[in-house]
């Protein structure tokens, strides 16, 4: 398309928006009218979906799946036949993608194609019919308003939040800024050396507030049901118990938007120009405030990481930069980033493992923990153990076996020619993984007496080893008193 054609297309879109939405191009539009249009779109799609069978039933203040005996939730969808799951997997993608596109269409910066939505989790070949569908929205200085509209429309139609119905969350900002994010509303951050994303780096000597968020993540998953871990920081414990612990999903979503608006205020106030022209502004302090603001926003998010370190490790090096060499990846980290990632992935592992009593179900967090540990070993030049074989096995288990039934697992194993019968052995006796862990425990000087909670306790002991190797960068402490752990900050 030549320049003149692009101009005419842009002008046509400009006139349409101005007439239809009452001046969207002047930063104002009819929010109610837009939401009504989006609600009507979803209602039409539900009608089309239900032409042959009543798959989705909307009744008064609830939505149901197939019959009024089953609420419409993604957890319930995952229990259905492959055919139903495939239909609703496609339905979800169409609804989410179309809503985002229609919302983009009424925001001025998006007219220049600056707005993007990036999948934050498993996509493409890695996605299964059970996978979540999380996206990060970027490119506009009012992302919070976009997400608010999206959430409101889903709640109006399905009487529940997007995370409940579709296992979908829209994230507004992250610790990695896409390259086409609007340049006049972000700070002058250091650019990483191996990719196109800008990292929110801070040069603080200790992690300070980020330690707090890592502690909070572990507390959030272990406070109620993991009796052999005790948390000693009463201030943080009370903050969690009196806040998030009692909060309903819809209230969490509202608080997420409120914290996002606070973040937007920070980055729109502390622009490049302001920082350059005002020598009284402490740029490093502003960075820390922005990073902490993002963590507080994520605190109200669903299935997201609280800390900068966990996010840059998992989303940055295991998704965006997964093909890069490890010696390049470690350039993105300070050592406490990796400790925070190990803590958060340990928390997610405990949550998934104890909920299902299955190493397979929790395997992706196990894999992420050891990936962070491996980068920590490389960063610190520790001559202890080679994790490559373990990481290959974990990656295989994660990509091929997670979220599958026993029959599906057997089918995959029988059709997999590259891996020998040793991999089948993993499914029934996890001794191969245990041998790896025992080797690591011996190399890190830990006594092996773990019994019932073998995996959880072994990860805790590895974490203790890393913290002891890096005491200068973190204020978190974990103590092992013969299988009984104390966590403090």
Protein backbone atom coordinates (compact mmCIF):
# COMPACT_ATOMS: atom_id res chain seq x y z
CA UNK A 1 0.00 0.00 0.00
CA UNK A 2 1.49 3.40 -1.06
CA UNK A 3 1.61 6.51 1.15
CA UNK A 4 -1.49 8.11 -0.40
CA UNK A 5 -3.58 4.96 0.10
CA UNK A 6 -2.48 4.74 3.74
CA UNK A 7 -3.43 8.39 4.25
CA UNK A 8 -6.89 7.93 2.73
CA UNK A 9 -7.50 4.81 4.82
CA UNK A 10 -6.42 6.64 7.98
CA UNK A 11 -8.61 9.66 7.11
CA UNK A 12 -11.64 7.42 6.46
CA UNK A 13 -11.17 5.75 9.82
CA UNK A 14 -10.74 9.16 11.48
CA UNK A 15 -14.06 10.47 10.09
CA UNK A 16 -15.88 7.26 11.02
CA UNK A 17 -14.69 7.38 14.62
CA UNK A 18 -15.41 11.06 14.95
CA UNK A 19 -18.99 10.62 13.77
CA UNK A 20 -19.78 7.31 15.44
CA UNK A 21 -18.15 7.72 18.83
CA UNK A 22 -18.52 11.43 19.27
CA UNK A 23 -14.90 12.40 18.89
CA UNK A 24 -12.72 9.43 19.78
CA UNK A 25 -9.84 11.10 18.05
CA UNK A 26 -9.99 13.92 20.58
CA UNK A 27 -9.43 11.49 23.46
CA UNK A 28 -13.12 11.20 24.23
CA UNK A 29 -15.68 8.69 23.04
CA UNK A 30 -18.96 7.27 24.14
CA UNK A 31 -17.89 4.47 26.48
CA UNK A 32 -21.45 3.24 27.04
CA UNK A 33 -22.10 3.06 23.31
CA UNK A 34 -18.89 1.11 22.72
CA UNK A 35 -19.68 -1.35 25.51
CA UNK A 36 -23.19 -1.84 24.16
CA UNK A 37 -21.77 -2.64 20.72
CA UNK A 38 -19.35 -5.17 22.23
CA UNK A 39 -22.04 -6.80 24.34
CA UNK A 40 -24.22 -7.17 21.24
CA UNK A 41 -21.32 -8.72 19.36
CA UNK A 42 -20.77 -11.38 22.05
CA UNK A 43 -24.51 -12.08 22.30
CA UNK A 44 -24.60 -12.67 18.55
CA UNK A 45 -21.63 -15.04 18.76
CA UNK A 46 -23.28 -16.99 21.59
CA UNK A 47 -26.42 -17.34 19.44
CA UNK A 48 -24.33 -18.66 16.55
CA UNK A 49 -22.55 -21.06 18.89
CA UNK A 50 -25.85 -22.38 20.25
CA UNK A 51 -27.53 -23.01 16.88
CA UNK A 52 -27.06 -26.76 17.09
CA UNK A 53 -26.66 -27.26 20.85
CA UNK A 54 -27.03 -25.08 23.92
CA UNK A 55 -23.37 -24.89 24.87
CA UNK A 56 -23.52 -21.58 26.74
CA UNK A 57 -26.63 -20.73 28.76
CA UNK A 58 -27.09 -17.23 30.18
CA UNK A 59 -29.71 -17.03 32.91
CA UNK A 60 -30.27 -14.03 35.19
CA UNK A 61 -27.08 -13.49 37.18
CA UNK A 62 -25.13 -16.59 36.10
CA UNK A 63 -23.84 -18.33 32.99
CA UNK A 64 -23.78 -22.09 32.52
CA UNK A 65 -22.06 -24.73 30.43
CA UNK A 66 -24.30 -27.25 28.58
CA UNK A 67 -26.84 -27.36 31.43
CA UNK A 68 -27.76 -25.39 34.54
CA UNK A 69 -25.94 -27.98 36.60
CA UNK A 70 -22.53 -26.66 35.54
CA UNK A 71 -21.28 -23.08 35.85
CA UNK A 72 -19.42 -21.64 32.86
CA UNK A 73 -15.83 -21.56 34.06
CA UNK A 74 -12.64 -22.52 32.26
CA UNK A 75 -11.95 -25.16 34.93
CA UNK A 76 -15.27 -26.80 34.03
CA UNK A 77 -14.58 -26.43 30.30
CA UNK A 78 -11.32 -28.37 30.75
CA UNK A 79 -13.33 -31.34 32.05
CA UNK A 80 -15.37 -31.66 28.85
CA UNK A 81 -14.77 -33.73 25.74
CA UNK A 82 -12.06 -32.72 23.29
CA UNK A 83 -14.73 -31.62 20.81
CA UNK A 84 -16.38 -29.22 23.28
CA UNK A 85 -13.00 -27.94 24.47
CA UNK A 86 -11.94 -27.25 20.86
CA UNK A 87 -15.18 -25.36 20.13
CA UNK A 88 -14.84 -23.17 23.24
CA UNK A 89 -11.08 -22.72 22.74
CA UNK A 90 -11.83 -21.20 19.31
CA UNK A 91 -14.79 -19.25 20.69
CA UNK A 92 -12.64 -17.72 23.43
CA UNK A 93 -9.94 -16.64 21.01
CA UNK A 94 -12.45 -15.05 18.65
CA UNK A 95 -14.21 -13.15 21.45
CA UNK A 96 -11.01 -11.92 23.13
CA UNK A 97 -9.19 -10.94 19.92
CA UNK A 98 -12.22 -9.18 18.43
CA UNK A 99 -12.95 -7.23 21.61
CA UNK A 100 -9.36 -6.03 21.81
CA UNK A 101 -9.36 -5.01 18.13
CA UNK A 102 -12.63 -3.09 18.49
CA UNK A 103 -11.36 -1.34 21.62
CA UNK A 104 -8.10 -0.43 19.84
CA UNK A 105 -10.15 1.09 17.05
CA UNK A 106 -11.46 3.92 19.23
CA UNK A 107 -8.20 5.06 20.86
CA UNK A 108 -6.24 7.75 18.99
CA UNK A 109 -2.71 6.33 19.31
CA UNK A 110 -3.99 2.99 18.06
CA UNK A 111 -5.01 4.60 14.77
CA UNK A 112 -1.29 4.75 13.98
CA UNK A 113 -1.03 1.01 14.69
CA UNK A 114 1.00 1.69 17.84
CA UNK A 115 -1.18 -0.54 20.00
CA UNK A 116 -0.33 -4.21 20.31
CA UNK A 117 -1.43 -7.21 22.32
CA UNK A 118 1.17 -9.85 23.13
CA UNK A 119 0.30 -13.30 24.48
CA UNK A 120 1.89 -13.68 27.91
CA UNK A 121 1.77 -17.46 28.21
CA UNK A 122 1.72 -20.61 26.08
CA UNK A 123 0.94 -19.87 22.44
CA UNK A 124 1.40 -21.65 19.12
CA UNK A 125 2.70 -25.24 19.35
CA UNK A 126 3.09 -24.97 23.14
CA UNK A 127 -0.60 -24.15 23.69
CA UNK A 128 -3.05 -26.91 24.52
CA UNK A 129 -6.85 -26.83 24.72
CA UNK A 130 -6.42 -26.33 28.46
CA UNK A 131 -4.00 -23.39 28.23
CA UNK A 132 -4.84 -19.96 29.54
CA UNK A 133 -5.03 -16.98 27.17
CA UNK A 134 -3.34 -14.01 28.83
CA UNK A 135 -2.31 -10.92 26.90
CA UNK A 136 -0.33 -7.77 27.63
CA UNK A 137 -1.67 -4.57 26.06
CA UNK A 138 0.78 -1.83 25.13
CA UNK A 139 1.19 1.26 22.96
CA UNK A 140 -1.20 3.73 24.61
CA UNK A 141 -1.07 5.89 27.72
CA UNK A 142 -4.59 4.87 28.83
CA UNK A 143 -4.28 1.10 28.80
CA UNK A 144 -6.18 0.95 32.10
CA UNK A 145 -9.27 2.36 30.38
CA UNK A 146 -9.00 -0.27 27.62
CA UNK A 147 -8.83 -3.13 30.10
CA UNK A 148 -11.64 -1.65 32.17
CA UNK A 149 -13.90 -1.70 29.09
CA UNK A 150 -12.88 -5.28 28.24
CA UNK A 151 -13.51 -6.55 31.77
CA UNK A 152 -16.81 -4.68 32.03
CA UNK A 153 -18.15 -6.18 28.78
CA UNK A 154 -17.22 -9.76 29.78
CA UNK A 155 -18.80 -9.28 33.20
CA UNK A 156 -22.01 -7.86 31.71
CA UNK A 157 -22.46 -10.81 29.37
CA UNK A 158 -21.19 -13.76 31.42
CA UNK A 159 -21.81 -12.43 34.97
CA UNK A 160 -18.23 -13.28 35.92
CA UNK A 161 -14.68 -12.02 35.38
CA UNK A 162 -12.63 -12.91 32.26
CA UNK A 163 -10.28 -15.00 34.41
CA UNK A 164 -13.17 -17.14 35.66
CA UNK A 165 -14.94 -17.62 32.32
CA UNK A 166 -12.03 -17.79 29.87
CA UNK A 167 -8.90 -18.09 32.04
CA UNK A 168 -7.98 -14.83 30.32
CA UNK A 169 -6.31 -11.82 31.88
CA UNK A 170 -5.36 -8.59 30.15
CA UNK A 171 -2.21 -7.12 31.65
CA UNK A 172 -1.68 -3.43 31.16
CA UNK A 173 2.01 -2.94 31.70
CA UNK A 174 4.94 -5.14 32.50
CA UNK A 175 8.62 -5.00 33.42
CA UNK A 176 9.42 -5.35 29.71
CA UNK A 177 8.31 -2.54 27.39
CA UNK A 178 7.64 -3.45 23.72
CA UNK A 179 9.59 -1.41 21.15
CA UNK A 180 6.58 0.46 19.76
CA UNK A 181 5.26 1.56 23.14
CA UNK A 182 4.48 5.28 23.02
CA UNK A 183 7.83 7.03 23.50
CA UNK A 184 6.59 10.16 25.27
CA UNK A 185 5.20 8.35 28.31
CA UNK A 186 8.07 6.17 29.45
CA UNK A 187 11.27 6.86 31.32
CA UNK A 188 14.79 6.63 29.92
CA UNK A 189 15.45 3.01 30.82
CA UNK A 190 18.55 0.98 30.09
CA UNK A 191 18.22 -1.08 26.92
CA UNK A 192 19.14 -4.74 27.16
CA UNK A 193 21.85 -6.08 24.90
CA UNK A 194 20.22 -9.13 23.33
CA UNK A 195 16.72 -8.22 22.19
CA UNK A 196 14.25 -5.55 21.19
CA UNK A 197 12.50 -5.04 24.56
CA UNK A 198 13.33 -2.33 27.08
CA UNK A 199 13.85 -3.58 30.63
CA UNK A 200 12.88 -1.58 33.70
CA UNK A 201 16.32 -1.89 35.27
CA UNK A 202 17.17 -0.32 38.60
CA UNK A 203 20.65 -0.02 40.10
CA UNK A 204 19.60 -0.39 43.74
CA UNK A 205 22.17 -2.35 45.74
CA UNK A 206 19.61 -4.41 47.65
CA UNK A 207 16.25 -5.49 46.35
CA UNK A 208 14.30 -3.88 49.23
CA UNK A 209 10.64 -3.69 48.17
CA UNK A 210 11.06 -6.49 45.63
CA UNK A 211 12.02 -8.78 48.52
CA UNK A 212 8.69 -7.90 50.07
CA UNK A 213 6.76 -8.92 46.95
CA UNK A 214 8.68 -12.21 46.66
CA UNK A 215 7.91 -12.97 50.32
CA UNK A 216 4.25 -12.10 49.68
CA UNK A 217 3.99 -14.49 46.75
CA UNK A 218 5.28 -17.41 48.80
CA UNK A 219 2.98 -16.42 51.66
CA UNK A 220 -0.06 -16.17 49.37
CA UNK A 221 0.18 -19.82 48.32
CA UNK A 222 1.51 -21.35 51.53
CA UNK A 223 -0.24 -19.44 54.30
CA UNK A 224 -3.30 -21.63 54.52
CA UNK A 225 -2.31 -25.17 53.62
CA UNK A 226 1.43 -25.70 54.00
CA UNK A 227 1.99 -26.25 57.70
CA UNK A 228 5.74 -26.85 57.65
CA UNK A 229 6.50 -23.33 56.39
CA UNK A 230 6.13 -20.49 58.92
CA UNK A 231 6.21 -16.82 57.94
CA UNK A 232 7.68 -14.51 60.56
CA UNK A 233 7.07 -11.01 59.18
CA UNK A 234 3.80 -10.06 60.88
CA UNK A 235 3.44 -6.74 59.03
CA UNK A 236 3.40 -8.40 55.60
CA UNK A 237 1.31 -11.32 56.87
CA UNK A 238 -1.40 -8.93 58.12
CA UNK A 239 -1.27 -6.89 54.89
CA UNK A 240 -2.09 -10.07 52.96
CA UNK A 241 -4.64 -11.56 55.36
CA UNK A 242 -6.60 -8.31 55.66
CA UNK A 243 -6.42 -7.64 51.92
CA UNK A 244 -6.02 -10.10 49.07
CA UNK A 245 -6.80 -13.21 51.13
CA UNK A 246 -10.43 -12.12 51.61
CA UNK A 247 -10.94 -10.40 48.27
CA UNK A 248 -13.48 -11.53 45.65
CA UNK A 249 -12.35 -11.83 41.98
CA UNK A 250 -14.33 -8.80 40.78
CA UNK A 251 -12.87 -6.62 43.54
CA UNK A 252 -9.38 -7.83 42.66
CA UNK A 253 -9.98 -6.78 39.04
CA UNK A 254 -11.12 -3.31 40.16
CA UNK A 255 -8.08 -2.86 42.40
CA UNK A 256 -5.85 -3.98 39.54
CA UNK A 257 -7.24 -1.16 37.39
CA UNK A 258 -6.84 1.39 40.21
CA UNK A 259 -3.18 0.45 40.69
CA UNK A 260 -2.66 0.58 36.93
CA UNK A 261 -3.94 4.16 36.90
CA UNK A 262 -1.45 5.04 39.64
CA UNK A 263 1.31 3.54 37.49
CA UNK A 264 0.11 5.53 34.46
CA UNK A 265 0.21 8.70 36.52
CA UNK A 266 3.82 7.95 37.50
CA UNK A 267 5.09 7.33 33.98
CA UNK A 268 3.09 10.19 32.45
CA UNK A 269 4.44 12.62 35.08
CA UNK A 270 8.04 11.42 34.97
CA UNK A 271 8.60 11.56 31.22
CA UNK A 272 11.94 11.76 29.45
CA UNK A 273 11.59 15.52 29.13
CA UNK A 274 10.77 16.07 32.80
CA UNK A 275 13.71 13.96 33.95
CA UNK A 276 16.13 15.77 31.66
CA UNK A 277 14.94 19.26 32.58
CA UNK A 278 14.59 18.83 36.35
CA UNK A 279 17.93 18.05 37.96
CA UNK A 280 16.22 17.82 41.36
CA UNK A 281 14.45 14.59 40.37
CA UNK A 282 16.25 11.46 41.54
CA UNK A 283 15.91 9.22 38.51
CA UNK A 284 16.93 6.09 40.42
CA UNK A 285 14.27 6.73 43.06
CA UNK A 286 11.66 7.25 40.34
CA UNK A 287 12.65 3.92 38.77
CA UNK A 288 12.20 2.14 42.08
CA UNK A 289 8.79 3.77 42.56
CA UNK A 290 7.69 2.68 39.08
CA UNK A 291 8.93 -0.90 39.59
CA UNK A 292 7.21 -1.12 42.99
CA UNK A 293 4.03 0.30 41.45
CA UNK A 294 4.04 -2.48 38.84
CA UNK A 295 4.47 -5.10 41.56
CA UNK A 296 1.56 -3.66 43.53
CA UNK A 297 -0.57 -3.70 40.38
CA UNK A 298 0.34 -7.35 39.73
CA UNK A 299 -0.55 -8.15 43.34
CA UNK A 300 -4.20 -7.82 42.27
CA UNK A 301 -3.69 -9.66 38.98
CA UNK A 302 -4.47 -13.31 38.31
CA UNK A 303 -1.65 -15.83 37.85
CA UNK A 304 1.02 -13.23 37.29
CA UNK A 305 4.37 -12.64 38.91
CA UNK A 306 4.78 -9.96 41.55
CA UNK A 307 8.51 -9.36 41.14
CA UNK A 308 10.57 -7.81 38.42
CA UNK A 309 13.02 -10.72 38.58
CA UNK A 310 10.46 -13.49 38.05
CA UNK A 311 8.86 -11.62 35.15
CA UNK A 312 12.09 -10.85 33.30
CA UNK A 313 13.33 -14.41 33.87
CA UNK A 314 10.20 -16.27 32.74
CA UNK A 315 8.66 -13.92 30.17
CA UNK A 316 11.96 -12.40 29.07
CA UNK A 317 14.44 -15.28 28.87
CA UNK A 318 12.12 -18.32 28.68
CA UNK A 319 9.71 -16.83 26.08
CA UNK A 320 11.01 -13.76 24.22
CA UNK A 321 14.71 -14.71 24.35
CA UNK A 322 14.45 -18.48 24.72
CA UNK A 323 16.73 -19.14 21.73
CA UNK A 324 19.58 -17.02 23.09
CA UNK A 325 22.64 -18.50 24.77
CA UNK A 326 22.64 -18.52 28.57
CA UNK A 327 25.74 -16.31 28.79
CA UNK A 328 23.71 -13.61 27.03
CA UNK A 329 20.62 -14.13 29.15
CA UNK A 330 22.47 -13.50 32.40
CA UNK A 331 23.21 -9.97 31.18
CA UNK A 332 19.56 -9.18 31.92
CA UNK A 333 19.82 -10.09 35.60
CA UNK A 334 21.03 -9.05 38.96
CA UNK A 335 21.47 -12.08 41.17
CA UNK A 336 18.45 -11.27 43.33
CA UNK A 337 16.23 -11.30 40.21
CA UNK A 338 16.92 -15.02 39.95
CA UNK A 339 16.37 -15.61 43.67
CA UNK A 340 12.99 -13.85 43.39
CA UNK A 341 12.11 -15.98 40.36
CA UNK A 342 13.01 -19.15 42.28
CA UNK A 343 10.86 -18.02 45.21
CA UNK A 344 7.83 -17.19 43.06
CA UNK A 345 8.08 -20.36 40.98
CA UNK A 346 8.50 -22.39 44.16
CA UNK A 347 5.26 -20.81 45.40
CA UNK A 348 3.42 -21.67 42.16
CA UNK A 349 4.88 -25.19 42.25
CA UNK A 350 3.64 -25.75 45.82
CA UNK A 351 0.21 -24.43 44.86
CA UNK A 352 -0.11 -26.71 41.81
CA UNK A 353 1.59 -29.76 43.34
CA UNK A 354 -0.39 -29.85 46.58
CA UNK A 355 -3.65 -29.10 44.78
CA UNK A 356 -3.29 -32.07 42.44
CA UNK A 357 -0.60 -34.21 44.09
CA UNK A 358 1.02 -34.52 40.68
CA UNK A 359 4.53 -33.64 39.59
CA UNK A 360 3.29 -33.65 35.98
CA UNK A 361 0.65 -31.01 36.66
CA UNK A 362 3.13 -28.72 38.40
CA UNK A 363 6.03 -29.44 36.06
CA UNK A 364 6.23 -26.04 34.32
CA UNK A 365 7.01 -24.26 37.61
CA UNK A 366 9.53 -26.96 38.53
CA UNK A 367 11.17 -26.36 35.17
CA UNK A 368 11.20 -22.58 35.67
CA UNK A 369 12.73 -22.93 39.14
CA UNK A 370 15.63 -25.00 37.83
CA UNK A 371 16.10 -22.73 34.82
CA UNK A 372 16.58 -19.81 37.23
CA UNK A 373 18.90 -21.93 39.39
CA UNK A 374 20.94 -22.81 36.30
CA UNK A 375 21.34 -19.13 35.36
CA UNK A 376 22.31 -18.38 38.98
CA UNK A 377 25.03 -21.06 38.78
CA UNK A 378 26.35 -19.50 35.54
CA UNK A 379 26.19 -15.95 36.91
CA UNK A 380 28.06 -16.87 40.10
CA UNK A 381 30.44 -19.26 38.29
CA UNK A 382 29.62 -22.02 40.78
CA UNK A 383 31.36 -25.33 40.11
CA UNK A 384 28.67 -27.60 41.50
CA UNK A 385 26.47 -29.50 39.07
CA UNK A 386 25.48 -29.57 35.39
CA UNK A 387 21.71 -29.12 35.05
CA UNK A 388 21.46 -29.53 31.28
CA UNK A 389 20.17 -33.12 31.34
CA UNK A 390 17.60 -32.32 34.00
CA UNK A 391 16.37 -29.25 32.11
CA UNK A 392 15.97 -31.26 28.89
CA UNK A 393 13.84 -33.86 30.70
CA UNK A 394 11.76 -31.20 32.44
CA UNK A 395 11.21 -29.33 29.19
CA UNK A 396 10.08 -32.56 27.52
CA UNK A 397 7.65 -33.35 30.34
CA UNK A 398 6.32 -29.79 30.34
CA UNK A 399 5.73 -29.52 26.60
CA UNK A 400 4.44 -33.04 25.98
CA UNK A 401 2.67 -34.17 29.10
CA UNK A 402 1.25 -31.34 31.16
CA UNK A 403 -2.56 -30.96 31.20
CA UNK A 404 -3.12 -34.34 29.54
CA UNK A 405 -5.04 -37.38 30.71
CA UNK A 406 -3.24 -40.66 31.44
CA UNK A 407 -4.45 -42.10 28.12
CA UNK A 408 -3.23 -39.04 26.24
CA UNK A 409 0.15 -39.25 28.00
CA UNK A 410 0.57 -42.89 27.00
CA UNK A 411 -0.34 -42.03 23.41
CA UNK A 412 2.29 -39.28 23.31
CA UNK A 413 4.91 -41.50 24.89
CA UNK A 414 4.27 -44.35 22.48
CA UNK A 415 4.52 -42.05 19.47
CA UNK A 416 7.65 -40.24 20.63
CA UNK A 417 10.64 -41.81 18.86
CA UNK A 418 13.36 -39.41 19.93
CA UNK A 419 13.16 -40.28 23.61
CA UNK A 420 13.82 -43.82 24.78
CA UNK A 421 11.95 -45.95 27.32
CA UNK A 422 13.62 -43.97 30.09
CA UNK A 423 11.00 -41.25 29.54
CA UNK A 424 8.15 -43.73 30.08
CA UNK A 425 9.80 -44.65 33.33
CA UNK A 426 9.51 -41.00 34.43
CA UNK A 427 5.73 -41.15 34.27
CA UNK A 428 5.43 -43.83 36.92
CA UNK A 429 8.61 -43.55 38.95
CA UNK A 430 10.14 -40.11 39.22
CA UNK A 431 13.38 -41.69 40.44
CA UNK A 432 15.35 -40.19 37.56
CA UNK A 433 14.40 -36.69 38.66
CA UNK A 434 15.01 -37.66 42.28
CA UNK A 435 18.53 -38.78 41.42
CA UNK A 436 19.20 -35.39 39.84
CA UNK A 437 17.88 -33.63 42.93
CA UNK A 438 19.91 -35.85 45.26
CA UNK A 439 23.04 -35.01 43.27
CA UNK A 440 22.27 -31.28 43.50
CA UNK A 441 21.56 -31.54 47.23
CA UNK A 442 24.88 -33.29 47.82
CA UNK A 443 26.76 -30.71 45.76
CA UNK A 444 25.16 -27.83 47.68
CA UNK A 445 25.99 -29.38 51.05
CA UNK A 446 22.43 -30.24 52.10
CA UNK A 447 21.55 -33.33 54.12
CA UNK A 448 19.07 -35.58 52.31
CA UNK A 449 16.38 -36.65 54.73
CA UNK A 450 13.34 -35.42 52.81
CA UNK A 451 10.43 -37.85 52.82
CA UNK A 452 6.77 -36.89 52.30
CA UNK A 453 7.30 -33.45 50.76
CA UNK A 454 10.37 -34.43 48.79
CA UNK A 455 10.05 -32.00 45.89
CA UNK A 456 8.96 -28.96 47.88
CA UNK A 457 11.62 -29.40 50.54
CA UNK A 458 14.39 -30.03 48.02
CA UNK A 459 13.51 -26.77 46.23
CA UNK A 460 13.46 -24.91 49.55
CA UNK A 461 16.92 -26.26 50.39
CA UNK A 462 18.31 -25.26 46.98
CA UNK A 463 16.83 -21.80 47.53
CA UNK A 464 18.53 -21.58 50.94
CA UNK A 465 21.82 -22.46 49.24
CA UNK A 466 21.40 -19.63 46.69
CA UNK A 467 20.42 -17.06 49.32
CA UNK A 468 23.46 -17.97 51.41
CA UNK A 469 25.64 -17.51 48.32
CA UNK A 470 24.15 -14.06 47.74
CA UNK A 471 23.41 -12.56 51.16
CA UNK A 472 24.50 -9.07 50.13
CA UNK A 473 21.70 -8.64 47.57
CA UNK A 474 18.59 -9.84 49.43
CA UNK A 475 17.04 -9.38 52.87
CA UNK A 476 14.98 -12.59 52.65
CA UNK A 477 16.03 -15.42 54.93
CA UNK A 478 14.89 -19.05 54.91
CA UNK A 479 15.94 -21.41 57.69
CA UNK A 480 15.67 -25.20 57.67
CA UNK A 481 15.11 -26.66 61.12
CA UNK A 482 15.12 -30.36 60.19
CA UNK A 483 12.31 -30.14 57.67
CA UNK A 484 10.50 -27.24 59.34
CA UNK A 485 11.10 -23.95 57.50
CA UNK A 486 10.99 -20.38 58.70
CA UNK A 487 10.74 -17.54 56.17
CA UNK A 488 11.48 -13.99 57.24
CA UNK A 489 12.20 -10.54 55.85
